[in-house]
Amino acid sequence: YIFDHVDEISLALKDVLGVDFSKEFL
């Protein structure tokens, strides 16, 4: 799957919740 959106909030969620939304492909 390819992802096409990232922003300040989605990146910060890795530190806040441990959920990584930074990858372009998964």
PDB file of all heavy atoms in Angstrom:
ATOM      1  N   TYR A   1       0.847  -1.199   0.000  1.00  0.00           N
ATOM      2  CA  TYR A   1       0.000   0.000   0.000  1.00  0.00           C
ATOM      3  C   TYR A   1       0.880   1.245   0.000  1.00  0.00           C
ATOM      4  O   TYR A   1       1.934   1.274   0.640  1.00  0.00           O
ATOM      5  CB  TYR A   1      -0.912   0.023   1.230  1.00  0.00           C
ATOM      6  CG  TYR A   1      -2.023  -1.008   1.163  1.00  0.00           C
ATOM      7  CD1 TYR A   1      -1.776  -2.335   1.488  1.00  0.00           C
ATOM      8  CD2 TYR A   1      -3.304  -0.653   0.748  1.00  0.00           C
ATOM      9  CE1 TYR A   1      -2.777  -3.286   1.425  1.00  0.00           C
ATOM     10  CE2 TYR A   1      -4.315  -1.592   0.683  1.00  0.00           C
ATOM     11  CZ  TYR A   1      -4.051  -2.913   1.014  1.00  0.00           C
ATOM     12  OH  TYR A   1      -5.051  -3.844   0.937  1.00  0.00           O
ATOM     13  N   ILE A   2       0.411   2.275  -0.711  1.00  0.00           N
ATOM     14  CA  ILE A   2       1.119   3.551  -0.765  1.00  0.00           C
ATOM     15  C   ILE A   2       0.297   4.609  -0.036  1.00  0.00           C
ATOM     16  O   ILE A   2      -0.927   4.665  -0.161  1.00  0.00           O
ATOM     17  CB  ILE A   2       1.402   3.986  -2.223  1.00  0.00           C
ATOM     18  CG1 ILE A   2       2.237   5.281  -2.237  1.00  0.00           C
ATOM     19  CG2 ILE A   2       0.112   4.177  -3.016  1.00  0.00           C
ATOM     20  CD1 ILE A   2       2.718   5.666  -3.634  1.00  0.00           C
ATOM     21  N   PHE A   3       0.987   5.436   0.757  1.00  0.00           N
ATOM     22  CA  PHE A   3       0.351   6.509   1.511  1.00  0.00           C
ATOM     23  C   PHE A   3       0.713   7.846   0.872  1.00  0.00           C
ATOM     24  O   PHE A   3       1.807   7.999   0.328  1.00  0.00           O
ATOM     25  CB  PHE A   3       0.808   6.471   2.974  1.00  0.00           C
ATOM     26  CG  PHE A   3       0.332   5.255   3.716  1.00  0.00           C
ATOM     27  CD1 PHE A   3       0.975   4.031   3.561  1.00  0.00           C
ATOM     28  CD2 PHE A   3      -0.767   5.318   4.544  1.00  0.00           C
ATOM     29  CE1 PHE A   3       0.539   2.902   4.230  1.00  0.00           C
ATOM     30  CE2 PHE A   3      -1.219   4.198   5.219  1.00  0.00           C
ATOM     31  CZ  PHE A   3      -0.562   2.987   5.061  1.00  0.00           C
ATOM     32  N   ASP A   4      -0.202   8.818   0.961  1.00  0.00           N
ATOM     33  CA  ASP A   4       0.019  10.069   0.234  1.00  0.00           C
ATOM     34  C   ASP A   4      -0.202  11.319   1.076  1.00  0.00           C
ATOM     35  O   ASP A   4      -0.361  12.417   0.546  1.00  0.00           O
ATOM     36  CB  ASP A   4      -0.872  10.123  -1.006  1.00  0.00           C
ATOM     37  CG  ASP A   4      -2.333   9.844  -0.684  1.00  0.00           C
ATOM     38  OD1 ASP A   4      -2.735  10.037   0.480  1.00  0.00           O
ATOM     39  OD2 ASP A   4      -3.057   9.404  -1.598  1.00  0.00           O
ATOM     40  N   HIS A   5      -0.237  11.172   2.410  1.00  0.00           N
ATOM     41  CA  HIS A   5      -0.422  12.375   3.241  1.00  0.00           C
ATOM     42  C   HIS A   5       0.414  12.279   4.506  1.00  0.00           C
ATOM     43  O   HIS A   5       0.469  11.243   5.165  1.00  0.00           O
ATOM     44  CB  HIS A   5      -1.886  12.557   3.643  1.00  0.00           C
ATOM     45  CG  HIS A   5      -2.085  13.732   4.568  1.00  0.00           C
ATOM     46  ND1 HIS A   5      -2.114  15.032   4.115  1.00  0.00           N
ATOM     47  CD2 HIS A   5      -2.215  13.801   5.919  1.00  0.00           C
ATOM     48  CE1 HIS A   5      -2.276  15.852   5.145  1.00  0.00           C
ATOM     49  NE2 HIS A   5      -2.333  15.128   6.245  1.00  0.00           N
ATOM     50  N   VAL A   6       1.048  13.377   4.843  1.00  0.00           N
ATOM     51  CA  VAL A   6       1.738  13.506   6.121  1.00  0.00           C
ATOM     52  C   VAL A   6       1.681  14.976   6.522  1.00  0.00           C
ATOM     53  O   VAL A   6       1.666  15.868   5.666  1.00  0.00           O
ATOM     54  CB  VAL A   6       3.205  13.014   6.021  1.00  0.00           C
ATOM     55  CG1 VAL A   6       4.036  13.972   5.183  1.00  0.00           C
ATOM     56  CG2 VAL A   6       3.826  12.836   7.394  1.00  0.00           C
ATOM     57  N   ASP A   7       1.582  15.239   7.806  1.00  0.00           N
ATOM     58  CA  ASP A   7       1.587  16.614   8.299  1.00  0.00           C
ATOM     59  C   ASP A   7       2.190  16.631   9.698  1.00  0.00           C
ATOM     60  O   ASP A   7       2.603  15.593  10.233  1.00  0.00           O
ATOM     61  CB  ASP A   7       0.179  17.230   8.275  1.00  0.00           C
ATOM     62  CG  ASP A   7      -0.833  16.438   9.077  1.00  0.00           C
ATOM     63  OD1 ASP A   7      -0.433  15.817  10.085  1.00  0.00           O
ATOM     64  OD2 ASP A   7      -2.020  16.425   8.714  1.00  0.00           O
ATOM     65  N   GLU A   8       2.223  17.791  10.273  1.00  0.00           N
ATOM     66  CA  GLU A   8       2.844  17.960  11.597  1.00  0.00           C
ATOM     67  C   GLU A   8       2.181  17.075  12.648  1.00  0.00           C
ATOM     68  O   GLU A   8       2.849  16.465  13.486  1.00  0.00           O
ATOM     69  CB  GLU A   8       2.737  19.432  12.001  1.00  0.00           C
ATOM     70  CG  GLU A   8       3.315  19.757  13.369  1.00  0.00           C
ATOM     71  CD  GLU A   8       3.126  21.220  13.741  1.00  0.00           C
ATOM     72  OE1 GLU A   8       3.236  22.079  12.837  1.00  0.00           O
ATOM     73  OE2 GLU A   8       2.860  21.491  14.908  1.00  0.00           O
ATOM     74  N   ILE A   9       0.846  16.996  12.601  1.00  0.00           N
ATOM     75  CA  ILE A   9       0.119  16.215  13.601  1.00  0.00           C
ATOM     76  C   ILE A   9       0.364  14.729  13.415  1.00  0.00           C
ATOM     77  O   ILE A   9       0.636  14.001  14.385  1.00  0.00           O
ATOM     78  CB  ILE A   9      -1.388  16.532  13.528  1.00  0.00           C
ATOM     79  CG1 ILE A   9      -1.636  17.987  13.959  1.00  0.00           C
ATOM     80  CG2 ILE A   9      -2.197  15.579  14.402  1.00  0.00           C
ATOM     81  CD1 ILE A   9      -3.068  18.450  13.793  1.00  0.00           C
ATOM     82  N   SER A  10       0.265  14.239  12.181  1.00  0.00           N
ATOM     83  CA  SER A  10       0.448  12.809  11.948  1.00  0.00           C
ATOM     84  C   SER A  10       1.856  12.354  12.330  1.00  0.00           C
ATOM     85  O   SER A  10       2.034  11.254  12.853  1.00  0.00           O
ATOM     86  CB  SER A  10       0.144  12.455  10.487  1.00  0.00           C
ATOM     87  OG  SER A  10       1.077  13.052   9.606  1.00  0.00           O
ATOM     88  N   LEU A  11       2.859  13.202  12.092  1.00  0.00           N
ATOM     89  CA  LEU A  11       4.225  12.849  12.474  1.00  0.00           C
ATOM     90  C   LEU A  11       4.379  12.841  13.997  1.00  0.00           C
ATOM     91  O   LEU A  11       5.079  11.985  14.553  1.00  0.00           O
ATOM     92  CB  LEU A  11       5.217  13.832  11.859  1.00  0.00           C
ATOM     93  CG  LEU A  11       5.416  13.743  10.339  1.00  0.00           C
ATOM     94  CD1 LEU A  11       6.353  14.846   9.858  1.00  0.00           C
ATOM     95  CD2 LEU A  11       5.964  12.379   9.937  1.00  0.00           C
ATOM     96  N   ALA A  12       3.714  13.786  14.673  1.00  0.00           N
ATOM     97  CA  ALA A  12       3.831  13.880  16.130  1.00  0.00           C
ATOM     98  C   ALA A  12       3.192  12.698  16.843  1.00  0.00           C
ATOM     99  O   ALA A  12       3.529  12.406  17.995  1.00  0.00           O
ATOM    100  CB  ALA A  12       3.198  15.184  16.613  1.00  0.00           C
ATOM    101  N   LEU A  13       2.277  12.007  16.186  1.00  0.00           N
ATOM    102  CA  LEU A  13       1.583  10.880  16.813  1.00  0.00           C
ATOM    103  C   LEU A  13       2.529   9.726  17.138  1.00  0.00           C
ATOM    104  O   LEU A  13       2.225   8.893  17.987  1.00  0.00           O
ATOM    105  CB  LEU A  13       0.447  10.387  15.905  1.00  0.00           C
ATOM    106  CG  LEU A  13      -0.800  11.269  15.936  1.00  0.00           C
ATOM    107  CD1 LEU A  13      -1.728  10.936  14.776  1.00  0.00           C
ATOM    108  CD2 LEU A  13      -1.532  11.112  17.263  1.00  0.00           C
ATOM    109  N   LYS A  14       3.683   9.681  16.489  1.00  0.00           N
ATOM    110  CA  LYS A  14       4.654   8.629  16.801  1.00  0.00           C
ATOM    111  C   LYS A  14       5.160   8.793  18.232  1.00  0.00           C
ATOM    112  O   LYS A  14       5.294   7.815  18.977  1.00  0.00           O
ATOM    113  CB  LYS A  14       5.824   8.664  15.823  1.00  0.00           C
ATOM    114  CG  LYS A  14       6.831   7.539  16.049  1.00  0.00           C
ATOM    115  CD  LYS A  14       7.923   7.538  14.988  1.00  0.00           C
ATOM    116  CE  LYS A  14       8.888   6.378  15.212  1.00  0.00           C
ATOM    117  NZ  LYS A  14       9.959   6.346  14.179  1.00  0.00           N
ATOM    118  N   ASP A  15       5.434  10.046  18.629  1.00  0.00           N
ATOM    119  CA  ASP A  15       5.896  10.294  19.991  1.00  0.00           C
ATOM    120  C   ASP A  15       4.757  10.234  21.002  1.00  0.00           C
ATOM    121  O   ASP A  15       4.941   9.787  22.131  1.00  0.00           O
ATOM    122  CB  ASP A  15       6.571  11.671  20.070  1.00  0.00           C
ATOM    123  CG  ASP A  15       7.871  11.728  19.275  1.00  0.00           C
ATOM    124  OD1 ASP A  15       8.550  10.684  19.182  1.00  0.00           O
ATOM    125  OD2 ASP A  15       8.191  12.800  18.738  1.00  0.00           O
ATOM    126  N   VAL A  16       3.573  10.681  20.588  1.00  0.00           N
ATOM    127  CA  VAL A  16       2.443  10.760  21.515  1.00  0.00           C
ATOM    128  C   VAL A  16       1.816   9.389  21.772  1.00  0.00           C
ATOM    129  O   VAL A  16       1.531   9.028  22.923  1.00  0.00           O
ATOM    130  CB  VAL A  16       1.376  11.740  20.969  1.00  0.00           C
ATOM    131  CG1 VAL A  16       0.111  11.702  21.822  1.00  0.00           C
ATOM    132  CG2 VAL A  16       1.939  13.150  20.937  1.00  0.00           C
ATOM    133  N   LEU A  17       1.603   8.610  20.712  1.00  0.00           N
ATOM    134  CA  LEU A  17       0.915   7.321  20.837  1.00  0.00           C
ATOM    135  C   LEU A  17       1.769   6.125  20.435  1.00  0.00           C
ATOM    136  O   LEU A  17       1.361   4.981  20.643  1.00  0.00           O
ATOM    137  CB  LEU A  17      -0.364   7.328  19.985  1.00  0.00           C
ATOM    138  CG  LEU A  17      -1.478   8.294  20.375  1.00  0.00           C
ATOM    139  CD1 LEU A  17      -2.645   8.157  19.414  1.00  0.00           C
ATOM    140  CD2 LEU A  17      -1.942   8.054  21.803  1.00  0.00           C
ATOM    141  N   GLY A  18       2.906   6.391  19.813  1.00  0.00           N
ATOM    142  CA  GLY A  18       3.713   5.283  19.318  1.00  0.00           C
ATOM    143  C   GLY A  18       3.218   4.731  18.000  1.00  0.00           C
ATOM    144  O   GLY A  18       3.589   3.623  17.596  1.00  0.00           O
ATOM    145  N   VAL A  19       2.375   5.490  17.295  1.00  0.00           N
ATOM    146  CA  VAL A  19       1.840   5.064  16.005  1.00  0.00           C
ATOM    147  C   VAL A  19       2.570   5.859  14.916  1.00  0.00           C
ATOM    148  O   VAL A  19       2.491   7.089  14.873  1.00  0.00           O
ATOM    149  CB  VAL A  19       0.319   5.299  15.904  1.00  0.00           C
ATOM    150  CG1 VAL A  19      -0.204   4.792  14.556  1.00  0.00           C
ATOM    151  CG2 VAL A  19      -0.401   4.589  17.045  1.00  0.00           C
ATOM    152  N   ASP A  20       3.280   5.142  14.036  1.00  0.00           N
ATOM    153  CA  ASP A  20       4.122   5.777  13.020  1.00  0.00           C
ATOM    154  C   ASP A  20       3.363   5.914  11.697  1.00  0.00           C
ATOM    155  O   ASP A  20       3.058   4.925  11.040  1.00  0.00           O
ATOM    156  CB  ASP A  20       5.390   4.943  12.818  1.00  0.00           C
ATOM    157  CG  ASP A  20       6.407   5.626  11.907  1.00  0.00           C
ATOM    158  OD1 ASP A  20       6.101   6.728  11.403  1.00  0.00           O
ATOM    159  OD2 ASP A  20       7.493   5.051  11.708  1.00  0.00           O
ATOM    160  N   PHE A  21       3.062   7.163  11.336  1.00  0.00           N
ATOM    161  CA  PHE A  21       2.366   7.436  10.078  1.00  0.00           C
ATOM    162  C   PHE A  21       3.317   8.060   9.042  1.00  0.00           C
ATOM    163  O   PHE A  21       2.864   8.687   8.088  1.00  0.00           O
ATOM    164  CB  PHE A  21       1.198   8.409  10.315  1.00  0.00           C
ATOM    165  CG  PHE A  21       0.037   7.809  11.062  1.00  0.00           C
ATOM    166  CD1 PHE A  21      -0.347   8.323  12.293  1.00  0.00           C
ATOM    167  CD2 PHE A  21      -0.671   6.746  10.549  1.00  0.00           C
ATOM    168  CE1 PHE A  21      -1.422   7.795  12.997  1.00  0.00           C
ATOM    169  CE2 PHE A  21      -1.753   6.201  11.234  1.00  0.00           C
ATOM    170  CZ  PHE A  21      -2.126   6.718  12.458  1.00  0.00           C
ATOM    171  N   SER A  22       4.623   7.894   9.216  1.00  0.00           N
ATOM    172  CA  SER A  22       5.576   8.580   8.348  1.00  0.00           C
ATOM    173  C   SER A  22       5.948   7.795   7.095  1.00  0.00           C
ATOM    174  O   SER A  22       6.516   8.354   6.156  1.00  0.00           O
ATOM    175  CB  SER A  22       6.858   8.888   9.128  1.00  0.00           C
ATOM    176  OG  SER A  22       7.534   7.683   9.481  1.00  0.00           O
ATOM    177  N   LYS A  23       5.659   6.496   7.052  1.00  0.00           N
ATOM    178  CA  LYS A  23       6.102   5.661   5.943  1.00  0.00           C
ATOM    179  C   LYS A  23       5.257   5.884   4.684  1.00  0.00           C
ATOM    180  O   LYS A  23       4.037   6.013   4.755  1.00  0.00           O
ATOM    181  CB  LYS A  23       6.030   4.178   6.330  1.00  0.00           C
ATOM    182  CG  LYS A  23       6.921   3.800   7.511  1.00  0.00           C
ATOM    183  CD  LYS A  23       8.382   3.906   7.156  1.00  0.00           C
ATOM    184  CE  LYS A  23       9.277   3.278   8.219  1.00  0.00           C
ATOM    185  NZ  LYS A  23       9.251   4.013   9.491  1.00  0.00           N
ATOM    186  N   GLU A  24       5.943   5.925   3.538  1.00  0.00           N
ATOM    187  CA  GLU A  24       5.225   6.090   2.272  1.00  0.00           C
ATOM    188  C   GLU A  24       4.690   4.753   1.776  1.00  0.00           C
ATOM    189  O   GLU A  24       3.625   4.708   1.141  1.00  0.00           O
ATOM    190  CB  GLU A  24       6.142   6.700   1.211  1.00  0.00           C
ATOM    191  CG  GLU A  24       5.424   7.022  -0.098  1.00  0.00           C
ATOM    192  CD  GLU A  24       6.293   7.761  -1.090  1.00  0.00           C
ATOM    193  OE1 GLU A  24       7.486   8.015  -0.792  1.00  0.00           O
ATOM    194  OE2 GLU A  24       5.786   8.104  -2.181  1.00  0.00           O
ATOM    195  N   PHE A  25       5.403   3.673   2.069  1.00  0.00           N
ATOM    196  CA  PHE A  25       4.968   2.334   1.656  1.00  0.00           C
ATOM    197  C   PHE A  25       4.909   1.416   2.869  1.00  0.00           C
ATOM    198  O   PHE A  25       5.798   1.443   3.721  1.00  0.00           O
ATOM    199  CB  PHE A  25       5.940   1.738   0.628  1.00  0.00           C
ATOM    200  CG  PHE A  25       5.968   2.449  -0.686  1.00  0.00           C
ATOM    201  CD1 PHE A  25       6.920   3.426  -0.935  1.00  0.00           C
ATOM    202  CD2 PHE A  25       5.036   2.147  -1.675  1.00  0.00           C
ATOM    203  CE1 PHE A  25       6.951   4.095  -2.152  1.00  0.00           C
ATOM    204  CE2 PHE A  25       5.057   2.816  -2.888  1.00  0.00           C
ATOM    205  CZ  PHE A  25       6.016   3.792  -3.130  1.00  0.00           C
ATOM    206  N   LEU A  26       3.857   0.611   2.944  1.00  0.00           N
ATOM    207  CA  LEU A  26       3.734  -0.412   3.973  1.00  0.00           C
ATOM    208  C   LEU A  26       3.119  -1.653   3.352  1.00  0.00           C
ATOM    209  O   LEU A  26       2.207  -1.559   2.523  1.00  0.00           O
ATOM    210  CB  LEU A  26       2.854   0.056   5.132  1.00  0.00           C
ATOM    211  CG  LEU A  26       3.426   1.090   6.115  1.00  0.00           C
ATOM    212  CD1 LEU A  26       2.351   1.520   7.104  1.00  0.00           C
ATOM    213  CD2 LEU A  26       4.635   0.533   6.867  1.00  0.00           C
TER     214      LEU A  26
END
